[in-house]
Amino acid sequence: MFLGDGKSLSQENTELSDQTAWMLAVRDRRDKDAFAALFDYFAPRLKGFIMRKGTSSAQAEEIVQDVMLTVWRKAAMFDPHRAQVSAWVYQIARNRHIDIRRKENRPVPEELYEDPGTEPDASQILAIDQEASHLKQALAQLSADQREIVEKAYLGELTHQQISEQTGLPLGTIKSRIRLGLERLRRELKGLR
């Protein structure tokens, strides 16, 4: 079997690590056996890597599943000339771990801390409606660019990197628009209360 550069797979294997050969088979042929070999090789290593960062065993297993699914889905993006397979896979794992930590550390509205069996009374519903109205008014005061990015980050729960990939804007621009948008929202909401 020949790879895209005219070398046979057996020639390529003598020059590359097993992991790289497996990754190229996944990338080029969507080879499920090669993916199984990658999974068997990386899953326990990734789990240990993630658990050393203070994550529970169960959550680490979920992250590993998600990372390996990403490896399968984004295999076409792998370039052995830019990074080793292990570096590429561990970067995906690191990013996924950071995303999960960020979501866990987001503040939870007080309304969600209440006993789920209790029904909100009319005054609570009115207060929530008023806050939502104030927020809509404040969002309307942002520039269209800032509003779009803030909504993607907080309502769409996307990471800065995901927003950058979706919009094609540099990461620094995304961060600046979020920071400036949040500063403006604080001023607007302070004035509305």
N, C-alpha and C. Protein backbone atom coordinates (compact mmCIF):
# COMPACT_ATOMS: atom_id res chain seq x y z
N MET A 1 0.84 -1.18 0.00
CA MET A 1 0.00 0.00 0.00
C MET A 1 0.88 1.24 0.00
N PHE A 2 0.50 2.24 -0.78
CA PHE A 2 1.32 3.44 -0.90
C PHE A 2 0.67 4.62 -0.20
N LEU A 3 1.51 5.44 0.44
CA LEU A 3 1.07 6.69 1.05
C LEU A 3 1.11 7.77 -0.01
N GLY A 4 0.61 8.94 0.31
CA GLY A 4 0.52 10.03 -0.65
C GLY A 4 1.85 10.47 -1.24
N ASP A 5 2.96 10.25 -0.57
CA ASP A 5 4.26 10.72 -1.07
C ASP A 5 4.98 9.68 -1.90
N GLY A 6 4.32 8.57 -2.24
CA GLY A 6 4.93 7.55 -3.08
C GLY A 6 5.63 6.46 -2.30
N LYS A 7 5.77 6.60 -1.00
CA LYS A 7 6.40 5.56 -0.19
C LYS A 7 5.35 4.52 0.17
N SER A 8 5.80 3.30 0.29
CA SER A 8 4.87 2.26 0.74
C SER A 8 4.71 2.38 2.24
N LEU A 9 3.64 1.84 2.75
CA LEU A 9 3.37 1.87 4.19
C LEU A 9 4.49 1.17 4.95
N SER A 10 5.01 0.07 4.41
CA SER A 10 6.09 -0.63 5.10
C SER A 10 7.36 0.21 5.13
N GLN A 11 7.65 0.97 4.06
CA GLN A 11 8.81 1.87 4.08
C GLN A 11 8.61 2.96 5.12
N GLU A 12 7.42 3.50 5.17
CA GLU A 12 7.11 4.58 6.10
C GLU A 12 7.24 4.08 7.54
N ASN A 13 6.78 2.86 7.81
CA ASN A 13 6.82 2.31 9.16
C ASN A 13 8.24 2.18 9.69
N THR A 14 9.21 1.91 8.80
CA THR A 14 10.58 1.77 9.27
C THR A 14 11.15 3.11 9.70
N GLU A 15 10.61 4.20 9.20
CA GLU A 15 11.11 5.52 9.52
C GLU A 15 10.32 6.18 10.65
N LEU A 16 9.11 5.72 10.88
CA LEU A 16 8.22 6.36 11.85
C LEU A 16 7.95 5.44 13.04
N SER A 17 7.56 6.06 14.15
CA SER A 17 7.15 5.27 15.31
C SER A 17 5.85 4.55 14.99
N ASP A 18 5.54 3.53 15.79
CA ASP A 18 4.27 2.83 15.61
C ASP A 18 3.10 3.80 15.72
N GLN A 19 3.17 4.69 16.72
CA GLN A 19 2.06 5.63 16.94
C GLN A 19 1.85 6.53 15.72
N THR A 20 2.94 6.98 15.11
CA THR A 20 2.81 7.83 13.92
C THR A 20 2.22 7.03 12.76
N ALA A 21 2.67 5.80 12.59
CA ALA A 21 2.12 4.95 11.51
C ALA A 21 0.63 4.72 11.73
N TRP A 22 0.24 4.47 12.97
CA TRP A 22 -1.19 4.28 13.27
C TRP A 22 -1.97 5.56 12.97
N MET A 23 -1.42 6.69 13.39
CA MET A 23 -2.12 7.96 13.19
C MET A 23 -2.27 8.26 11.70
N LEU A 24 -1.23 7.99 10.93
CA LEU A 24 -1.31 8.22 9.49
C LEU A 24 -2.35 7.30 8.84
N ALA A 25 -2.44 6.07 9.33
CA ALA A 25 -3.46 5.15 8.80
C ALA A 25 -4.86 5.66 9.13
N VAL A 26 -5.02 6.21 10.32
CA VAL A 26 -6.32 6.79 10.69
C VAL A 26 -6.60 8.02 9.82
N ARG A 27 -5.60 8.87 9.69
CA ARG A 27 -5.77 10.10 8.92
C ARG A 27 -6.07 9.82 7.45
N ASP A 28 -5.29 8.92 6.86
CA ASP A 28 -5.37 8.72 5.41
C ASP A 28 -6.43 7.72 4.97
N ARG A 29 -6.68 6.70 5.83
CA ARG A 29 -7.60 5.64 5.40
C ARG A 29 -8.77 5.41 6.37
N ARG A 30 -8.82 6.20 7.44
CA ARG A 30 -9.85 6.02 8.47
C ARG A 30 -9.81 4.58 8.99
N ASP A 31 -8.61 4.08 9.20
CA ASP A 31 -8.36 2.70 9.60
C ASP A 31 -8.76 2.49 11.06
N LYS A 32 -9.81 1.70 11.27
CA LYS A 32 -10.34 1.47 12.62
C LYS A 32 -9.40 0.63 13.48
N ASP A 33 -8.69 -0.32 12.86
CA ASP A 33 -7.73 -1.12 13.63
C ASP A 33 -6.58 -0.26 14.13
N ALA A 34 -6.13 0.65 13.29
CA ALA A 34 -5.04 1.56 13.69
C ALA A 34 -5.54 2.49 14.80
N PHE A 35 -6.80 2.92 14.70
CA PHE A 35 -7.34 3.77 15.76
C PHE A 35 -7.44 2.99 17.07
N ALA A 36 -7.84 1.73 16.99
CA ALA A 36 -7.90 0.89 18.20
C ALA A 36 -6.52 0.76 18.84
N ALA A 37 -5.50 0.63 18.01
CA ALA A 37 -4.13 0.55 18.53
C ALA A 37 -3.73 1.87 19.18
N LEU A 38 -4.08 2.99 18.55
CA LEU A 38 -3.81 4.31 19.14
C LEU A 38 -4.53 4.45 20.48
N PHE A 39 -5.80 4.04 20.49
CA PHE A 39 -6.59 4.14 21.71
C PHE A 39 -5.96 3.31 22.82
N ASP A 40 -5.62 2.07 22.51
CA ASP A 40 -5.01 1.19 23.52
C ASP A 40 -3.69 1.76 24.04
N TYR A 41 -2.95 2.42 23.18
CA TYR A 41 -1.67 2.98 23.59
C TYR A 41 -1.85 4.24 24.44
N PHE A 42 -2.70 5.17 23.96
CA PHE A 42 -2.79 6.48 24.61
C PHE A 42 -3.77 6.55 25.78
N ALA A 43 -4.85 5.77 25.76
CA ALA A 43 -5.89 5.92 26.79
C ALA A 43 -5.35 5.81 28.22
N PRO A 44 -4.59 4.77 28.57
CA PRO A 44 -4.10 4.71 29.95
C PRO A 44 -3.11 5.82 30.28
N ARG A 45 -2.31 6.21 29.32
CA ARG A 45 -1.33 7.28 29.54
C ARG A 45 -2.05 8.62 29.75
N LEU A 46 -3.06 8.88 28.92
CA LEU A 46 -3.82 10.12 29.06
C LEU A 46 -4.57 10.17 30.39
N LYS A 47 -5.14 9.02 30.79
CA LYS A 47 -5.87 8.99 32.06
C LYS A 47 -4.93 9.35 33.21
N GLY A 48 -3.74 8.77 33.22
CA GLY A 48 -2.77 9.10 34.27
C GLY A 48 -2.36 10.57 34.23
N PHE A 49 -2.13 11.08 33.03
CA PHE A 49 -1.76 12.48 32.83
C PHE A 49 -2.83 13.41 33.40
N ILE A 50 -4.09 13.12 33.11
CA ILE A 50 -5.20 13.97 33.55
C ILE A 50 -5.42 13.83 35.05
N MET A 51 -5.30 12.61 35.56
CA MET A 51 -5.50 12.41 37.01
C MET A 51 -4.41 13.11 37.82
N ARG A 52 -3.21 13.21 37.27
CA ARG A 52 -2.14 13.92 37.99
C ARG A 52 -2.45 15.41 38.12
N LYS A 53 -3.40 15.90 37.34
CA LYS A 53 -3.81 17.30 37.42
C LYS A 53 -4.95 17.49 38.42
N GLY A 54 -5.27 16.42 39.19
CA GLY A 54 -6.27 16.54 40.23
C GLY A 54 -7.68 16.15 39.81
N THR A 55 -7.83 15.48 38.71
CA THR A 55 -9.14 15.07 38.21
C THR A 55 -9.46 13.67 38.71
N SER A 56 -10.73 13.43 39.02
CA SER A 56 -11.14 12.11 39.49
C SER A 56 -10.98 11.08 38.38
N SER A 57 -10.94 9.82 38.77
CA SER A 57 -10.77 8.73 37.81
C SER A 57 -11.92 8.71 36.80
N ALA A 58 -13.15 8.86 37.29
CA ALA A 58 -14.32 8.81 36.40
C ALA A 58 -14.29 9.96 35.40
N GLN A 59 -13.98 11.16 35.89
CA GLN A 59 -13.94 12.31 34.99
C GLN A 59 -12.77 12.19 34.01
N ALA A 60 -11.65 11.66 34.48
CA ALA A 60 -10.49 11.46 33.61
C ALA A 60 -10.86 10.50 32.47
N GLU A 61 -11.62 9.45 32.79
CA GLU A 61 -12.04 8.51 31.74
C GLU A 61 -12.93 9.19 30.72
N GLU A 62 -13.83 10.07 31.18
CA GLU A 62 -14.69 10.81 30.25
C GLU A 62 -13.86 11.71 29.35
N ILE A 63 -12.88 12.38 29.94
CA ILE A 63 -12.02 13.26 29.16
C ILE A 63 -11.24 12.45 28.12
N VAL A 64 -10.72 11.30 28.52
CA VAL A 64 -9.98 10.45 27.59
C VAL A 64 -10.88 10.04 26.42
N GLN A 65 -12.10 9.64 26.72
CA GLN A 65 -13.04 9.26 25.65
C GLN A 65 -13.24 10.43 24.69
N ASP A 66 -13.43 11.61 25.26
CA ASP A 66 -13.66 12.81 24.45
C ASP A 66 -12.42 13.15 23.61
N VAL A 67 -11.25 13.04 24.22
CA VAL A 67 -10.00 13.33 23.51
C VAL A 67 -9.82 12.37 22.35
N MET A 68 -10.02 11.10 22.59
CA MET A 68 -9.81 10.13 21.52
C MET A 68 -10.86 10.28 20.41
N LEU A 69 -12.06 10.68 20.77
CA LEU A 69 -13.07 10.97 19.75
C LEU A 69 -12.62 12.16 18.90
N THR A 70 -12.03 13.16 19.54
CA THR A 70 -11.50 14.31 18.82
C THR A 70 -10.35 13.89 17.91
N VAL A 71 -9.50 13.00 18.39
CA VAL A 71 -8.40 12.49 17.56
C VAL A 71 -8.97 11.85 16.29
N TRP A 72 -10.02 11.06 16.43
CA TRP A 72 -10.64 10.41 15.28
C TRP A 72 -11.23 11.45 14.33
N ARG A 73 -11.99 12.40 14.91
CA ARG A 73 -12.66 13.40 14.08
C ARG A 73 -11.70 14.35 13.38
N LYS A 74 -10.62 14.70 14.07
CA LYS A 74 -9.70 15.70 13.53
C LYS A 74 -8.41 15.08 12.99
N ALA A 75 -8.44 13.81 12.70
CA ALA A 75 -7.25 13.11 12.21
C ALA A 75 -6.67 13.79 10.97
N ALA A 76 -7.51 14.35 10.13
CA ALA A 76 -7.05 15.00 8.91
C ALA A 76 -6.14 16.19 9.21
N MET A 77 -6.21 16.73 10.41
CA MET A 77 -5.40 17.89 10.78
C MET A 77 -4.00 17.49 11.24
N PHE A 78 -3.78 16.21 11.48
CA PHE A 78 -2.47 15.77 11.96
C PHE A 78 -1.42 15.88 10.87
N ASP A 79 -0.30 16.50 11.21
CA ASP A 79 0.83 16.63 10.29
C ASP A 79 2.08 16.16 11.03
N PRO A 80 2.64 15.00 10.62
CA PRO A 80 3.80 14.46 11.32
C PRO A 80 5.04 15.35 11.21
N HIS A 81 5.03 16.29 10.27
CA HIS A 81 6.17 17.19 10.11
C HIS A 81 6.09 18.36 11.08
N ARG A 82 4.93 18.59 11.66
CA ARG A 82 4.76 19.70 12.60
C ARG A 82 4.86 19.25 14.05
N ALA A 83 4.39 18.03 14.34
CA ALA A 83 4.41 17.56 15.74
C ALA A 83 4.38 16.03 15.76
N GLN A 84 4.92 15.48 16.83
CA GLN A 84 4.81 14.05 17.04
C GLN A 84 3.37 13.74 17.44
N VAL A 85 2.96 12.52 17.20
CA VAL A 85 1.60 12.11 17.56
C VAL A 85 1.34 12.37 19.04
N SER A 86 2.28 11.98 19.88
CA SER A 86 2.06 12.14 21.32
C SER A 86 1.87 13.60 21.69
N ALA A 87 2.67 14.50 21.11
CA ALA A 87 2.52 15.93 21.41
C ALA A 87 1.15 16.42 20.96
N TRP A 88 0.71 15.97 19.79
CA TRP A 88 -0.57 16.40 19.24
C TRP A 88 -1.72 15.90 20.12
N VAL A 89 -1.68 14.64 20.51
CA VAL A 89 -2.74 14.04 21.33
C VAL A 89 -2.76 14.68 22.73
N TYR A 90 -1.59 14.87 23.33
CA TYR A 90 -1.53 15.47 24.66
C TYR A 90 -1.98 16.93 24.65
N GLN A 91 -1.76 17.63 23.55
CA GLN A 91 -2.25 19.01 23.44
C GLN A 91 -3.77 19.03 23.41
N ILE A 92 -4.36 18.09 22.69
CA ILE A 92 -5.82 17.99 22.67
C ILE A 92 -6.33 17.70 24.08
N ALA A 93 -5.66 16.78 24.79
CA ALA A 93 -6.07 16.43 26.16
C ALA A 93 -5.93 17.63 27.08
N ARG A 94 -4.83 18.34 26.98
CA ARG A 94 -4.60 19.51 27.83
C ARG A 94 -5.69 20.56 27.58
N ASN A 95 -6.00 20.83 26.31
CA ASN A 95 -7.03 21.83 25.99
C ASN A 95 -8.40 21.40 26.51
N ARG A 96 -8.71 20.12 26.36
CA ARG A 96 -10.02 19.63 26.84
C ARG A 96 -10.10 19.74 28.36
N HIS A 97 -9.02 19.42 29.05
CA HIS A 97 -8.99 19.53 30.51
C HIS A 97 -9.19 20.98 30.94
N ILE A 98 -8.54 21.91 30.26
CA ILE A 98 -8.70 23.34 30.57
C ILE A 98 -10.14 23.77 30.33
N ASP A 99 -10.74 23.34 29.22
CA ASP A 99 -12.14 23.69 28.93
C ASP A 99 -13.06 23.23 30.05
N ILE A 100 -12.86 22.01 30.52
CA ILE A 100 -13.72 21.46 31.58
C ILE A 100 -13.52 22.24 32.88
N ARG A 101 -12.28 22.55 33.21
CA ARG A 101 -12.00 23.33 34.43
C ARG A 101 -12.67 24.69 34.37
N ARG A 102 -12.62 25.32 33.21
CA ARG A 102 -13.26 26.64 33.06
C ARG A 102 -14.76 26.54 33.27
N LYS A 103 -15.38 25.53 32.68
CA LYS A 103 -16.83 25.37 32.85
C LYS A 103 -17.18 25.09 34.31
N GLU A 104 -16.35 24.31 35.00
CA GLU A 104 -16.62 24.01 36.41
C GLU A 104 -16.49 25.25 37.29
N ASN A 105 -15.62 26.16 36.90
CA ASN A 105 -15.36 27.34 37.73
C ASN A 105 -16.26 28.52 37.40
N ARG A 106 -17.16 28.36 36.43
CA ARG A 106 -18.09 29.45 36.13
C ARG A 106 -19.06 29.61 37.28
N PRO A 107 -19.39 30.86 37.61
CA PRO A 107 -20.34 31.07 38.71
C PRO A 107 -21.72 30.54 38.35
N VAL A 108 -22.39 29.98 39.34
CA VAL A 108 -23.74 29.45 39.15
C VAL A 108 -24.73 30.45 39.74
N PRO A 109 -25.76 30.85 39.00
CA PRO A 109 -26.74 31.80 39.55
C PRO A 109 -27.37 31.25 40.83
N GLU A 110 -27.67 32.15 41.75
CA GLU A 110 -28.23 31.75 43.04
C GLU A 110 -29.52 30.94 42.87
N GLU A 111 -30.28 31.25 41.82
CA GLU A 111 -31.54 30.55 41.60
C GLU A 111 -31.33 29.05 41.43
N LEU A 112 -30.17 28.65 40.93
CA LEU A 112 -29.90 27.23 40.70
C LEU A 112 -29.47 26.50 41.97
N TYR A 113 -29.12 27.25 43.02
CA TYR A 113 -28.74 26.63 44.29
C TYR A 113 -29.95 26.23 45.12
N GLU A 114 -31.12 26.73 44.76
CA GLU A 114 -32.32 26.46 45.54
C GLU A 114 -32.73 24.99 45.42
N ASP A 115 -33.54 24.56 46.36
CA ASP A 115 -34.07 23.21 46.35
C ASP A 115 -34.91 23.01 45.08
N PRO A 116 -34.59 22.00 44.27
CA PRO A 116 -35.32 21.82 43.02
C PRO A 116 -36.80 21.51 43.21
N GLY A 117 -37.19 21.08 44.42
CA GLY A 117 -38.59 20.77 44.67
C GLY A 117 -39.45 21.99 44.94
N THR A 118 -38.84 23.15 45.17
CA THR A 118 -39.62 24.34 45.49
C THR A 118 -39.93 25.12 44.22
N GLU A 119 -41.12 25.64 44.19
CA GLU A 119 -41.55 26.46 43.06
C GLU A 119 -41.23 27.92 43.35
N PRO A 120 -40.69 28.66 42.36
CA PRO A 120 -40.43 30.08 42.61
C PRO A 120 -41.75 30.83 42.75
N ASP A 121 -41.74 31.82 43.65
CA ASP A 121 -42.97 32.60 43.80
C ASP A 121 -42.98 33.72 42.76
N ALA A 122 -44.07 34.46 42.71
CA ALA A 122 -44.26 35.49 41.69
C ALA A 122 -43.19 36.57 41.77
N SER A 123 -42.75 36.93 42.98
CA SER A 123 -41.75 37.99 43.11
C SER A 123 -40.40 37.52 42.54
N GLN A 124 -40.06 36.23 42.73
CA GLN A 124 -38.81 35.71 42.17
C GLN A 124 -38.87 35.71 40.64
N ILE A 125 -40.01 35.30 40.10
CA ILE A 125 -40.17 35.27 38.64
C ILE A 125 -40.06 36.69 38.08
N LEU A 126 -40.70 37.65 38.75
CA LEU A 126 -40.65 39.04 38.30
C LEU A 126 -39.21 39.56 38.37
N ALA A 127 -38.48 39.25 39.44
CA ALA A 127 -37.09 39.71 39.59
C ALA A 127 -36.21 39.13 38.49
N ILE A 128 -36.40 37.85 38.19
CA ILE A 128 -35.61 37.22 37.13
C ILE A 128 -35.94 37.85 35.78
N ASP A 129 -37.22 38.09 35.52
CA ASP A 129 -37.62 38.74 34.27
C ASP A 129 -37.00 40.13 34.15
N GLN A 130 -36.99 40.88 35.26
CA GLN A 130 -36.41 42.22 35.23
C GLN A 130 -34.90 42.16 34.97
N GLU A 131 -34.23 41.21 35.61
CA GLU A 131 -32.79 41.07 35.39
C GLU A 131 -32.50 40.70 33.93
N ALA A 132 -33.32 39.80 33.38
CA ALA A 132 -33.14 39.41 31.98
C ALA A 132 -33.37 40.61 31.06
N SER A 133 -34.35 41.42 31.38
CA SER A 133 -34.63 42.61 30.60
C SER A 133 -33.47 43.60 30.67
N HIS A 134 -32.93 43.80 31.89
CA HIS A 134 -31.77 44.68 32.06
C HIS A 134 -30.58 44.17 31.25
N LEU A 135 -30.37 42.88 31.28
CA LEU A 135 -29.26 42.30 30.55
C LEU A 135 -29.43 42.50 29.04
N LYS A 136 -30.66 42.31 28.54
CA LYS A 136 -30.92 42.52 27.11
C LYS A 136 -30.63 43.97 26.72
N GLN A 137 -31.06 44.89 27.58
CA GLN A 137 -30.81 46.31 27.31
C GLN A 137 -29.31 46.60 27.29
N ALA A 138 -28.59 46.03 28.24
CA ALA A 138 -27.15 46.26 28.32
C ALA A 138 -26.44 45.64 27.11
N LEU A 139 -26.85 44.44 26.72
CA LEU A 139 -26.26 43.80 25.54
C LEU A 139 -26.51 44.63 24.28
N ALA A 140 -27.67 45.26 24.20
CA ALA A 140 -28.01 46.07 23.03
C ALA A 140 -27.09 47.29 22.92
N GLN A 141 -26.48 47.70 24.03
CA GLN A 141 -25.58 48.86 24.02
C GLN A 141 -24.19 48.52 23.49
N LEU A 142 -23.86 47.23 23.41
CA LEU A 142 -22.55 46.82 22.91
C LEU A 142 -22.50 46.95 21.40
N SER A 143 -21.29 47.09 20.89
CA SER A 143 -21.14 47.07 19.42
C SER A 143 -21.51 45.66 18.96
N ALA A 144 -21.88 45.54 17.71
CA ALA A 144 -22.29 44.23 17.17
C ALA A 144 -21.16 43.20 17.32
N ASP A 145 -19.91 43.62 17.10
CA ASP A 145 -18.77 42.71 17.22
C ASP A 145 -18.61 42.21 18.65
N GLN A 146 -18.69 43.15 19.62
CA GLN A 146 -18.55 42.76 21.02
C GLN A 146 -19.71 41.87 21.45
N ARG A 147 -20.93 42.23 21.07
CA ARG A 147 -22.11 41.46 21.47
C ARG A 147 -22.01 40.03 20.95
N GLU A 148 -21.61 39.87 19.70
CA GLU A 148 -21.51 38.52 19.11
C GLU A 148 -20.52 37.66 19.90
N ILE A 149 -19.36 38.22 20.21
CA ILE A 149 -18.32 37.45 20.89
C ILE A 149 -18.73 37.13 22.32
N VAL A 150 -19.30 38.12 23.04
CA VAL A 150 -19.74 37.90 24.43
C VAL A 150 -20.84 36.83 24.46
N GLU A 151 -21.78 36.90 23.53
CA GLU A 151 -22.85 35.90 23.50
C GLU A 151 -22.30 34.50 23.21
N LYS A 152 -21.34 34.40 22.31
CA LYS A 152 -20.75 33.08 22.02
C LYS A 152 -20.03 32.53 23.26
N ALA A 153 -19.33 33.41 23.98
CA ALA A 153 -18.55 32.98 25.14
C ALA A 153 -19.44 32.60 26.32
N TYR A 154 -20.48 33.38 26.59
CA TYR A 154 -21.25 33.16 27.80
C TYR A 154 -22.59 32.48 27.57
N LEU A 155 -23.24 32.76 26.48
CA LEU A 155 -24.52 32.08 26.22
C LEU A 155 -24.28 30.78 25.44
N GLY A 156 -23.31 30.81 24.55
CA GLY A 156 -22.99 29.62 23.77
C GLY A 156 -21.98 28.72 24.46
N GLU A 157 -21.40 29.20 25.56
CA GLU A 157 -20.41 28.46 26.34
C GLU A 157 -19.25 27.94 25.49
N LEU A 158 -18.79 28.76 24.56
CA LEU A 158 -17.64 28.38 23.74
C LEU A 158 -16.37 28.91 24.38
N THR A 159 -15.28 28.21 24.20
CA THR A 159 -13.99 28.70 24.68
C THR A 159 -13.50 29.79 23.73
N HIS A 160 -12.51 30.54 24.18
CA HIS A 160 -11.94 31.57 23.33
C HIS A 160 -11.39 30.95 22.06
N GLN A 161 -10.74 29.80 22.18
CA GLN A 161 -10.16 29.12 21.02
C GLN A 161 -11.26 28.70 20.04
N GLN A 162 -12.37 28.18 20.55
CA GLN A 162 -13.46 27.76 19.68
C GLN A 162 -14.07 28.96 18.95
N ILE A 163 -14.18 30.09 19.64
CA ILE A 163 -14.71 31.30 19.00
C ILE A 163 -13.75 31.75 17.90
N SER A 164 -12.46 31.71 18.19
CA SER A 164 -11.45 32.09 17.20
C SER A 164 -11.56 31.20 15.96
N GLU A 165 -11.72 29.90 16.18
CA GLU A 165 -11.84 28.97 15.05
C GLU A 165 -13.12 29.23 14.25
N GLN A 166 -14.22 29.55 14.95
CA GLN A 166 -15.49 29.80 14.27
C GLN A 166 -15.47 31.09 13.45
N THR A 167 -14.89 32.13 14.04
CA THR A 167 -14.95 33.45 13.41
C THR A 167 -13.75 33.75 12.52
N GLY A 168 -12.65 33.04 12.73
CA GLY A 168 -11.43 33.32 11.99
C GLY A 168 -10.65 34.50 12.54
N LEU A 169 -11.09 35.03 13.68
CA LEU A 169 -10.40 36.17 14.31
C LEU A 169 -9.26 35.67 15.19
N PRO A 170 -8.20 36.47 15.32
CA PRO A 170 -7.10 36.07 16.22
C PRO A 170 -7.57 35.97 17.66
N LEU A 171 -6.92 35.11 18.42
CA LEU A 171 -7.27 34.89 19.82
C LEU A 171 -7.21 36.18 20.63
N GLY A 172 -6.20 37.01 20.37
CA GLY A 172 -6.06 38.28 21.08
C GLY A 172 -7.25 39.20 20.84
N THR A 173 -7.77 39.21 19.62
CA THR A 173 -8.94 40.03 19.29
C THR A 173 -10.16 39.53 20.05
N ILE A 174 -10.32 38.22 20.11
CA ILE A 174 -11.44 37.62 20.84
C ILE A 174 -11.38 38.05 22.30
N LYS A 175 -10.22 37.90 22.91
CA LYS A 175 -10.07 38.24 24.33
C LYS A 175 -10.32 39.73 24.58
N SER A 176 -9.82 40.58 23.69
CA SER A 176 -10.03 42.02 23.85
C SER A 176 -11.51 42.38 23.75
N ARG A 177 -12.20 41.79 22.78
CA ARG A 177 -13.62 42.11 22.61
C ARG A 177 -14.44 41.64 23.82
N ILE A 178 -14.09 40.47 24.36
CA ILE A 178 -14.79 39.99 25.54
C ILE A 178 -14.52 40.92 26.72
N ARG A 179 -13.26 41.28 26.94
CA ARG A 179 -12.91 42.14 28.07
C ARG A 179 -13.61 43.49 27.96
N LEU A 180 -13.52 44.11 26.78
CA LEU A 180 -14.16 45.41 26.60
C LEU A 180 -15.68 45.30 26.70
N GLY A 181 -16.23 44.23 26.14
CA GLY A 181 -17.68 44.02 26.21
C GLY A 181 -18.16 43.85 27.64
N LEU A 182 -17.42 43.09 28.44
CA LEU A 182 -17.81 42.88 29.84
C LEU A 182 -17.69 44.17 30.65
N GLU A 183 -16.65 44.96 30.37
CA GLU A 183 -16.52 46.25 31.06
C GLU A 183 -17.72 47.14 30.75
N ARG A 184 -18.11 47.16 29.49
CA ARG A 184 -19.26 47.99 29.08
C ARG A 184 -20.55 47.45 29.71
N LEU A 185 -20.71 46.13 29.75
CA LEU A 185 -21.89 45.54 30.38
C LEU A 185 -21.97 45.92 31.85
N ARG A 186 -20.84 45.86 32.55
CA ARG A 186 -20.84 46.25 33.98
C ARG A 186 -21.32 47.68 34.16
N ARG A 187 -20.80 48.57 33.31
CA ARG A 187 -21.23 49.98 33.41
C ARG A 187 -22.72 50.12 33.12
N GLU A 188 -23.17 49.45 32.07
CA GLU A 188 -24.59 49.55 31.67
C GLU A 188 -25.50 48.98 32.75
N LEU A 189 -25.13 47.81 33.27
CA LEU A 189 -25.97 47.18 34.29
C LEU A 189 -25.98 47.98 35.57
N LYS A 190 -24.86 48.58 35.93
CA LYS A 190 -24.80 49.42 37.12
C LYS A 190 -25.74 50.61 36.97
N GLY A 191 -25.80 51.17 35.77
CA GLY A 191 -26.68 52.31 35.52
C GLY A 191 -28.15 51.93 35.46
N LEU A 192 -28.47 50.68 35.13
CA LEU A 192 -29.86 50.26 35.01
C LEU A 192 -30.48 49.88 36.35
N ARG A 193 -29.67 49.59 37.34
CA ARG A 193 -30.22 49.12 38.62
C ARG A 193 -30.72 50.20 39.48
